[in-house]
N, C-alpha and C. Protein backbone atom coordinates (compact mmCIF):
# COMPACT_ATOMS: atom_id res chain seq x y z
N MET A 1 9.12 3.68 7.43
CA MET A 1 7.89 3.20 7.49
C MET A 1 8.10 2.43 7.63
N ASN A 2 7.36 1.00 7.53
CA ASN A 2 7.20 0.20 6.87
C ASN A 2 6.26 -0.92 7.54
N LEU A 3 4.37 -0.94 6.50
CA LEU A 3 3.29 -0.76 7.00
C LEU A 3 2.70 -2.75 5.68
N ILE A 4 2.38 -3.17 5.55
CA ILE A 4 2.53 -4.22 5.20
C ILE A 4 1.22 -4.48 5.74
N ALA A 5 -0.36 -4.65 4.83
CA ALA A 5 -1.87 -5.52 5.79
C ALA A 5 -2.75 -6.34 4.28
N ASP A 6 -2.66 -7.27 5.02
CA ASP A 6 -3.51 -8.38 3.56
C ASP A 6 -4.86 -7.56 4.02
N LEU A 7 -5.97 -7.37 4.08
CA LEU A 7 -7.32 -6.97 4.35
C LEU A 7 -7.71 -7.91 3.78
N HIS A 8 -9.12 -8.76 4.51
CA HIS A 8 -9.74 -9.44 3.84
C HIS A 8 -11.08 -9.49 4.82
N ASP A 9 -11.67 -9.98 4.95
CA ASP A 9 -14.11 -10.36 5.69
C ASP A 9 -13.60 -8.87 6.44
N CYS A 10 -13.08 -7.79 5.66
CA CYS A 10 -13.89 -6.71 6.80
C CYS A 10 -14.91 -6.09 6.67
N ARG A 11 -15.30 -4.97 7.53
CA ARG A 11 -16.62 -4.91 7.60
C ARG A 11 -16.77 -3.05 7.31
N CYS A 12 -16.80 -3.13 5.93
CA CYS A 12 -17.01 -2.47 5.33
C CYS A 12 -17.82 -1.47 4.15
N VAL A 13 -18.05 -1.20 3.10
CA VAL A 13 -19.60 -1.26 2.68
C VAL A 13 -18.77 -2.61 1.22
N PRO A 14 -19.54 -2.68 0.71
CA PRO A 14 -19.49 -3.62 0.14
C PRO A 14 -18.56 -3.52 -1.31
N GLY A 15 -17.98 -4.46 -1.70
CA GLY A 15 -17.27 -3.29 -3.23
C GLY A 15 -15.91 -2.74 -2.89
N PHE A 16 -15.79 -2.13 -1.42
CA PHE A 16 -14.66 -1.05 -1.74
C PHE A 16 -13.19 -2.10 -1.08
N LEU A 17 -13.15 -2.85 -0.61
CA LEU A 17 -11.86 -3.60 -1.22
C LEU A 17 -11.35 -4.29 -2.85
N LEU A 18 -12.25 -4.05 -3.51
CA LEU A 18 -12.19 -3.97 -4.63
C LEU A 18 -12.50 -3.28 -5.86
N ASP A 19 -12.21 -1.74 -5.07
CA ASP A 19 -12.02 -0.35 -6.19
C ASP A 19 -10.56 0.43 -6.17
N ALA A 20 -10.34 0.29 -6.77
CA ALA A 20 -8.28 0.26 -7.30
C ALA A 20 -8.40 2.01 -6.35
N PRO A 21 -8.93 3.16 -7.10
CA PRO A 21 -8.88 4.28 -7.28
C PRO A 21 -9.61 4.60 -5.74
N GLY A 22 -10.74 3.80 -5.72
CA GLY A 22 -10.86 4.84 -3.70
C GLY A 22 -10.10 3.98 -3.19
N LEU A 23 -9.53 3.10 -2.85
CA LEU A 23 -9.12 2.32 -1.62
C LEU A 23 -7.35 3.37 -1.37
N GLU A 24 -6.96 3.95 -3.20
CA GLU A 24 -5.90 5.09 -3.46
C GLU A 24 -6.29 6.01 -2.94
N SER A 25 -6.79 6.69 -2.78
CA SER A 25 -7.76 7.54 -2.42
C SER A 25 -7.68 7.95 -0.56
N PHE A 26 -8.12 6.42 -0.14
CA PHE A 26 -8.30 6.33 1.09
C PHE A 26 -7.04 6.55 1.81
N CYS A 27 -6.18 5.39 0.85
CA CYS A 27 -4.70 5.49 1.85
C CYS A 27 -3.76 6.74 1.56
N VAL A 28 -3.59 7.50 0.66
CA VAL A 28 -3.55 8.69 0.52
C VAL A 28 -3.93 9.55 1.70
N ASP A 29 -4.96 10.07 1.58
CA ASP A 29 -5.78 11.26 2.17
C ASP A 29 -5.25 10.88 3.92
N ALA A 30 -5.28 9.74 4.45
CA ALA A 30 -4.90 9.05 5.86
C ALA A 30 -3.06 9.67 5.69
N CYS A 31 -2.62 9.03 4.95
CA CYS A 31 -1.22 9.59 5.32
C CYS A 31 -1.14 11.16 5.47
N GLN A 32 -1.73 11.99 4.31
CA GLN A 32 -1.54 12.90 4.72
C GLN A 32 -2.51 13.66 5.25
N ARG A 33 -3.33 13.05 6.78
CA ARG A 33 -4.10 13.99 6.99
C ARG A 33 -3.41 13.84 9.07
N HIS A 34 -1.96 12.47 8.57
CA HIS A 34 -1.36 12.63 9.86
C HIS A 34 0.32 12.89 9.55
N GLY A 35 0.13 13.87 8.46
CA GLY A 35 1.16 15.02 8.11
C GLY A 35 2.90 13.99 7.11
N LEU A 36 2.24 12.80 6.76
CA LEU A 36 3.34 11.69 6.01
C LEU A 36 3.59 12.99 4.33
N THR A 37 4.04 12.40 3.95
CA THR A 37 4.57 13.39 2.84
C THR A 37 4.19 12.13 1.93
N VAL A 38 3.37 12.03 0.79
CA VAL A 38 3.55 10.78 -0.11
C VAL A 38 4.51 11.17 -1.26
N VAL A 39 5.32 10.58 -1.68
CA VAL A 39 5.80 10.98 -3.10
C VAL A 39 5.84 9.81 -4.04
N GLY A 40 4.69 8.78 -3.75
CA GLY A 40 4.92 7.85 -5.60
C GLY A 40 3.68 7.32 -4.90
N ARG A 41 2.21 6.89 -5.28
CA ARG A 41 1.56 5.61 -5.23
C ARG A 41 0.89 5.25 -6.96
N LEU A 42 1.50 3.72 -5.97
CA LEU A 42 0.53 2.53 -7.47
C LEU A 42 -0.34 1.68 -6.13
N PHE A 43 -1.82 2.00 -7.27
CA PHE A 43 -2.75 0.47 -6.82
C PHE A 43 -3.28 -0.07 -8.37
N HIS A 44 -3.28 -1.58 -8.52
CA HIS A 44 -3.42 -1.78 -9.42
C HIS A 44 -4.56 -3.07 -8.90
N ALA A 45 -5.94 -3.53 -9.92
CA ALA A 45 -7.11 -3.85 -9.26
C ALA A 45 -6.81 -5.78 -10.24
N PHE A 46 -7.69 -5.95 -9.63
CA PHE A 46 -7.53 -7.88 -9.99
C PHE A 46 -8.13 -8.49 -10.38
N ARG A 47 -8.51 -8.87 -12.16
CA ARG A 47 -9.81 -9.55 -11.95
C ARG A 47 -9.56 -10.89 -12.24
N ASP A 48 -10.86 -11.43 -11.96
CA ASP A 48 -10.22 -12.90 -12.19
C ASP A 48 -11.39 -13.10 -13.14
N ALA A 49 -10.55 -15.02 -13.78
CA ALA A 49 -10.99 -15.88 -14.79
C ALA A 49 -12.21 -14.93 -15.84
N SER A 50 -13.00 -14.85 -15.78
CA SER A 50 -14.41 -14.04 -15.88
C SER A 50 -14.17 -12.93 -15.81
N GLY A 51 -13.56 -12.48 -15.48
CA GLY A 51 -13.40 -10.85 -15.57
C GLY A 51 -14.02 -10.15 -14.55
N GLN A 52 -14.69 -10.88 -13.67
CA GLN A 52 -14.96 -10.08 -12.67
C GLN A 52 -14.01 -9.79 -11.41
N PRO A 53 -14.23 -8.53 -10.52
CA PRO A 53 -12.75 -7.81 -9.82
C PRO A 53 -12.29 -8.88 -8.72
N ALA A 54 -11.64 -8.67 -8.77
CA ALA A 54 -11.04 -10.17 -7.01
C ALA A 54 -10.13 -9.15 -6.59
N GLY A 55 -9.78 -8.62 -6.68
CA GLY A 55 -9.34 -7.57 -5.16
C GLY A 55 -8.66 -6.32 -6.75
N VAL A 56 -7.51 -5.94 -5.18
CA VAL A 56 -6.40 -4.33 -5.05
C VAL A 56 -5.11 -4.78 -4.85
N THR A 57 -4.06 -4.61 -4.99
CA THR A 57 -2.81 -4.38 -4.32
C THR A 57 -2.48 -2.79 -4.76
N GLY A 58 -1.97 -2.54 -3.49
CA GLY A 58 -0.82 -0.57 -3.42
C GLY A 58 -0.32 -0.78 -2.60
N THR A 59 0.51 0.74 -3.51
CA THR A 59 1.65 0.70 -2.50
C THR A 59 1.06 2.86 -2.57
N VAL A 60 1.85 3.04 -1.50
CA VAL A 60 1.62 4.31 -1.10
C VAL A 60 3.36 4.64 -0.42
N VAL A 61 4.08 5.48 -1.59
CA VAL A 61 5.86 5.81 -0.75
C VAL A 61 5.61 7.41 -0.51
N LEU A 62 6.82 7.08 1.36
CA LEU A 62 6.58 7.97 1.47
C LEU A 62 7.60 8.88 2.35
N ALA A 63 8.08 9.99 2.27
CA ALA A 63 9.54 10.68 2.47
C ALA A 63 8.99 11.46 4.17
N ASP A 64 9.96 10.89 4.77
CA ASP A 64 10.27 10.66 5.74
C ASP A 64 11.56 10.76 7.15
N PRO A 65 11.98 12.37 6.03
CA PRO A 65 12.79 12.25 6.51
C PRO A 65 13.59 12.90 7.85
N THR A 66 12.57 12.48 9.37
CA THR A 66 12.82 12.41 10.28
C THR A 66 12.72 11.72 10.82
N SER A 67 12.18 10.81 10.23
CA SER A 67 12.35 9.37 11.91
C SER A 67 14.10 9.12 11.85
N PRO A 68 14.20 9.02 13.04
CA PRO A 68 15.92 8.83 13.55
C PRO A 68 16.05 7.11 13.10
N CYS A 69 15.19 6.68 12.96
CA CYS A 69 15.63 5.18 12.56
C CYS A 69 16.75 4.83 11.39
N ILE A 70 16.05 5.76 10.51
CA ILE A 70 16.64 5.61 8.79
C ILE A 70 17.60 7.00 8.88
N PRO A 71 18.90 5.43 8.30
CA PRO A 71 20.14 7.00 7.83
C PRO A 71 20.08 7.73 6.58
N ARG A 72 20.33 8.78 7.06
CA ARG A 72 19.82 9.41 5.45
C ARG A 72 20.19 9.88 4.29
N ARG A 73 21.42 8.45 3.96
CA ARG A 73 22.23 8.41 3.18
C ARG A 73 22.89 7.05 3.08
N ALA A 74 23.29 6.57 1.58
CA ALA A 74 24.01 5.52 1.63
C ALA A 74 23.12 3.76 2.25
N TYR A 75 21.84 3.86 1.50
CA TYR A 75 20.87 3.49 2.53
C TYR A 75 19.69 2.57 1.48
N LEU A 76 19.21 1.47 1.28
CA LEU A 76 17.87 0.79 0.88
C LEU A 76 17.56 0.14 1.78
N ALA A 77 15.91 0.11 2.01
CA ALA A 77 15.07 -0.85 2.13
C ALA A 77 13.93 -1.22 0.94
N GLY A 78 13.36 -2.85 0.90
CA GLY A 78 13.07 -3.38 0.14
C GLY A 78 12.26 -3.97 0.77
N ASP A 79 10.80 -4.35 -0.12
CA ASP A 79 10.26 -6.04 -0.16
C ASP A 79 9.95 -6.43 -1.10
N CYS A 80 9.76 -6.98 -1.06
CA CYS A 80 9.08 -8.39 -2.51
C CYS A 80 8.48 -9.09 -2.30
N GLN A 81 7.39 -9.19 -2.44
CA GLN A 81 6.35 -10.69 -2.18
C GLN A 81 5.38 -11.34 -2.85
N ARG A 82 5.41 -12.00 -2.17
CA ARG A 82 4.30 -12.62 -3.61
C ARG A 82 3.95 -14.12 -2.98
N ASP A 83 3.42 -14.76 -2.50
CA ASP A 83 2.67 -15.60 -1.90
C ASP A 83 2.81 -15.82 -0.92
N ALA A 84 2.99 -15.33 0.38
CA ALA A 84 2.92 -15.14 2.04
C ALA A 84 4.49 -14.96 2.14
N ARG A 85 5.49 -15.00 0.61
CA ARG A 85 6.61 -14.73 0.80
C ARG A 85 7.48 -13.38 0.91
N CYS A 86 8.16 -13.33 1.44
CA CYS A 86 8.71 -12.56 0.93
C CYS A 86 11.18 -12.18 1.77
N LEU A 87 11.52 -11.54 0.37
CA LEU A 87 12.59 -11.11 0.75
C LEU A 87 12.84 -10.02 0.76
N ARG A 88 13.63 -9.50 2.23
CA ARG A 88 13.99 -8.32 2.57
C ARG A 88 15.71 -7.77 1.96
N LEU A 89 15.08 -7.15 1.43
CA LEU A 89 16.58 -6.41 0.49
C LEU A 89 17.77 -6.01 1.69
């Protein structure tokens, strides 16, 4: 499973999209509620030039060996993203 989301102008509590620990908990909890196995996570908060919160980037790594579309060995999938460009490995 590969889900990428760029969120902006969301109808959420002001500041939620700037709260790295809060977003991490939200994303991990959502995965676990749906029976997915979380094997890793990393969330990082960004600040602007004046030191104010400016955004968050994050990832949740899942183990899902039951998926029929993913080979079980000799397989690598990855995404490298920057400025709306993507390199698929």
